[in-house]
């Protein structure tokens, strides 16, 4: 259970850092590729994590 919380906290932190880096780099006319790479990795982790949660929750039988 703690692993899932750590995973989602890390994903949230990764996305937050990516958005902040994207905004700062855009303001100072720096290349945006590193920030976009971080955001793409964050989105991939969201998709994988949400898929894993869906699989785990689909096996729960509620009577």
N, C-alpha and C. Protein backbone atom coordinates (compact mmCIF):
# COMPACT_ATOMS: atom_id res chain seq x y z
N UNK A 1 0.82 -1.19 0.00
CA UNK A 1 0.00 0.00 0.00
C UNK A 1 0.86 1.26 0.00
N UNK A 2 1.92 1.23 0.78
CA UNK A 2 2.79 2.40 0.86
C UNK A 2 3.50 2.64 -0.48
N UNK A 3 3.77 1.54 -1.21
CA UNK A 3 4.43 1.68 -2.50
C UNK A 3 3.56 2.48 -3.47
N UNK A 4 2.24 2.24 -3.44
CA UNK A 4 1.34 2.97 -4.34
C UNK A 4 1.33 4.45 -4.02
N UNK A 5 1.35 4.78 -2.75
CA UNK A 5 1.37 6.19 -2.36
C UNK A 5 2.67 6.86 -2.78
N UNK A 6 3.77 6.16 -2.59
CA UNK A 6 5.06 6.70 -3.00
C UNK A 6 5.11 6.86 -4.52
N UNK A 7 4.56 5.87 -5.24
CA UNK A 7 4.54 5.93 -6.71
C UNK A 7 3.77 7.16 -7.19
N UNK A 8 2.55 7.36 -6.65
CA UNK A 8 1.74 8.49 -7.11
C UNK A 8 2.34 9.82 -6.67
N UNK A 9 2.97 9.86 -5.52
CA UNK A 9 3.64 11.08 -5.08
C UNK A 9 4.80 11.41 -6.02
N UNK A 10 5.54 10.38 -6.42
CA UNK A 10 6.67 10.60 -7.34
C UNK A 10 6.17 11.06 -8.71
N UNK A 11 5.08 10.49 -9.18
CA UNK A 11 4.52 10.89 -10.47
C UNK A 11 4.05 12.35 -10.40
N UNK A 12 3.37 12.69 -9.32
CA UNK A 12 2.91 14.07 -9.15
C UNK A 12 4.06 15.06 -9.09
N UNK A 13 5.10 14.69 -8.36
CA UNK A 13 6.28 15.55 -8.27
C UNK A 13 6.97 15.69 -9.62
N UNK A 14 7.04 14.60 -10.36
CA UNK A 14 7.65 14.63 -11.68
C UNK A 14 6.89 15.56 -12.62
N UNK A 15 5.57 15.48 -12.60
CA UNK A 15 4.76 16.36 -13.44
C UNK A 15 4.88 17.82 -13.01
N UNK A 16 4.89 18.05 -11.72
CA UNK A 16 5.03 19.41 -11.22
C UNK A 16 6.37 20.03 -11.64
N UNK A 17 7.44 19.27 -11.49
CA UNK A 17 8.76 19.74 -11.90
C UNK A 17 8.80 19.98 -13.41
N UNK A 18 8.17 19.09 -14.16
CA UNK A 18 8.14 19.25 -15.62
C UNK A 18 7.41 20.52 -16.04
N UNK A 19 6.25 20.78 -15.42
CA UNK A 19 5.50 21.99 -15.77
C UNK A 19 6.26 23.24 -15.37
N UNK A 20 6.86 23.24 -14.20
CA UNK A 20 7.62 24.42 -13.76
C UNK A 20 8.82 24.65 -14.68
N UNK A 21 9.52 23.57 -15.02
CA UNK A 21 10.68 23.70 -15.91
C UNK A 21 10.25 24.18 -17.30
N UNK A 22 9.10 23.71 -17.77
CA UNK A 22 8.60 24.13 -19.07
C UNK A 22 8.29 25.63 -19.08
N UNK A 23 7.65 26.11 -18.03
CA UNK A 23 7.31 27.53 -17.96
C UNK A 23 8.57 28.39 -17.85
N UNK A 24 9.50 27.99 -16.99
CA UNK A 24 10.73 28.77 -16.81
C UNK A 24 11.56 28.78 -18.10
N UNK A 25 11.68 27.64 -18.74
CA UNK A 25 12.45 27.58 -19.98
C UNK A 25 11.80 28.39 -21.09
N UNK A 26 10.47 28.41 -21.14
CA UNK A 26 9.78 29.20 -22.16
C UNK A 26 9.97 30.68 -21.92
N UNK A 27 9.98 31.10 -20.66
CA UNK A 27 10.15 32.52 -20.34
C UNK A 27 11.55 32.98 -20.72
N UNK A 28 12.55 32.15 -20.48
CA UNK A 28 13.94 32.55 -20.75
C UNK A 28 14.44 32.08 -22.12
N UNK A 29 13.55 31.65 -22.98
CA UNK A 29 13.88 31.22 -24.35
C UNK A 29 14.96 30.15 -24.39
N UNK A 30 14.88 29.20 -23.49
CA UNK A 30 15.78 28.05 -23.48
C UNK A 30 15.12 26.90 -24.21
N UNK A 31 15.88 25.87 -24.58
CA UNK A 31 15.27 24.71 -25.24
C UNK A 31 14.26 24.02 -24.32
N UNK A 32 13.14 23.60 -24.91
CA UNK A 32 12.07 22.99 -24.14
C UNK A 32 12.13 21.47 -24.11
N UNK A 33 13.07 20.88 -24.83
CA UNK A 33 13.13 19.43 -24.94
C UNK A 33 13.28 18.72 -23.59
N UNK A 34 14.16 19.16 -22.67
CA UNK A 34 14.26 18.46 -21.37
C UNK A 34 12.94 18.49 -20.58
N UNK A 35 12.27 19.63 -20.59
CA UNK A 35 11.00 19.73 -19.86
C UNK A 35 9.93 18.85 -20.50
N UNK A 36 9.89 18.83 -21.81
CA UNK A 36 8.90 17.99 -22.50
C UNK A 36 9.19 16.51 -22.28
N UNK A 37 10.45 16.16 -22.18
CA UNK A 37 10.81 14.76 -21.90
C UNK A 37 10.31 14.35 -20.52
N UNK A 38 10.48 15.22 -19.54
CA UNK A 38 9.99 14.93 -18.19
C UNK A 38 8.47 14.79 -18.18
N UNK A 39 7.77 15.66 -18.91
CA UNK A 39 6.32 15.59 -18.96
C UNK A 39 5.84 14.31 -19.66
N UNK A 40 6.51 13.91 -20.73
CA UNK A 40 6.14 12.68 -21.42
C UNK A 40 6.34 11.47 -20.51
N UNK A 41 7.44 11.44 -19.79
CA UNK A 41 7.68 10.34 -18.84
C UNK A 41 6.59 10.33 -17.77
N UNK A 42 6.21 11.49 -17.28
CA UNK A 42 5.15 11.58 -16.28
C UNK A 42 3.82 11.07 -16.80
N UNK A 43 3.48 11.40 -18.03
CA UNK A 43 2.23 10.94 -18.62
C UNK A 43 2.26 9.42 -18.81
N UNK A 44 3.39 8.89 -19.24
CA UNK A 44 3.51 7.44 -19.39
C UNK A 44 3.34 6.75 -18.04
N UNK A 45 3.93 7.32 -16.99
CA UNK A 45 3.78 6.73 -15.66
C UNK A 45 2.34 6.81 -15.16
N UNK A 46 1.62 7.87 -15.52
CA UNK A 46 0.20 7.96 -15.16
C UNK A 46 -0.59 6.86 -15.85
N UNK A 47 -0.34 6.65 -17.12
CA UNK A 47 -1.07 5.62 -17.87
C UNK A 47 -0.77 4.24 -17.30
N UNK A 48 0.49 3.96 -17.02
CA UNK A 48 0.87 2.65 -16.47
C UNK A 48 0.26 2.47 -15.08
N UNK A 49 0.35 3.49 -14.24
CA UNK A 49 -0.18 3.40 -12.89
C UNK A 49 -1.69 3.26 -12.87
N UNK A 50 -2.38 4.02 -13.71
CA UNK A 50 -3.83 3.91 -13.77
C UNK A 50 -4.25 2.54 -14.30
N UNK A 51 -3.50 2.01 -15.25
CA UNK A 51 -3.79 0.67 -15.76
C UNK A 51 -3.59 -0.39 -14.70
N UNK A 52 -2.54 -0.25 -13.92
CA UNK A 52 -2.29 -1.21 -12.83
C UNK A 52 -3.39 -1.12 -11.78
N UNK A 53 -3.81 0.08 -11.45
CA UNK A 53 -4.91 0.24 -10.48
C UNK A 53 -6.20 -0.37 -11.02
N UNK A 54 -6.47 -0.19 -12.30
CA UNK A 54 -7.69 -0.75 -12.89
C UNK A 54 -7.65 -2.27 -12.84
N UNK A 55 -6.51 -2.86 -13.11
CA UNK A 55 -6.39 -4.32 -13.07
C UNK A 55 -6.57 -4.82 -11.64
N UNK A 56 -5.96 -4.15 -10.69
CA UNK A 56 -6.07 -4.56 -9.30
C UNK A 56 -7.52 -4.42 -8.82
N UNK A 57 -8.16 -3.31 -9.14
CA UNK A 57 -9.52 -3.09 -8.67
C UNK A 57 -10.54 -3.95 -9.41
N UNK A 58 -10.24 -4.40 -10.61
CA UNK A 58 -11.19 -5.23 -11.33
C UNK A 58 -11.28 -6.63 -10.76
N UNK A 59 -10.30 -7.04 -9.98
CA UNK A 59 -10.32 -8.37 -9.38
C UNK A 59 -11.03 -8.42 -8.03
N UNK A 60 -11.52 -7.28 -7.57
CA UNK A 60 -12.22 -7.24 -6.30
C UNK A 60 -13.68 -7.59 -6.53
N UNK A 61 -14.17 -8.59 -5.83
CA UNK A 61 -15.58 -8.99 -5.93
C UNK A 61 -16.33 -8.41 -4.74
N UNK A 62 -17.31 -7.55 -5.04
CA UNK A 62 -18.13 -6.97 -4.00
C UNK A 62 -19.49 -7.66 -4.04
N UNK A 63 -19.89 -8.29 -2.92
CA UNK A 63 -21.16 -9.02 -2.88
C UNK A 63 -22.17 -8.24 -2.13
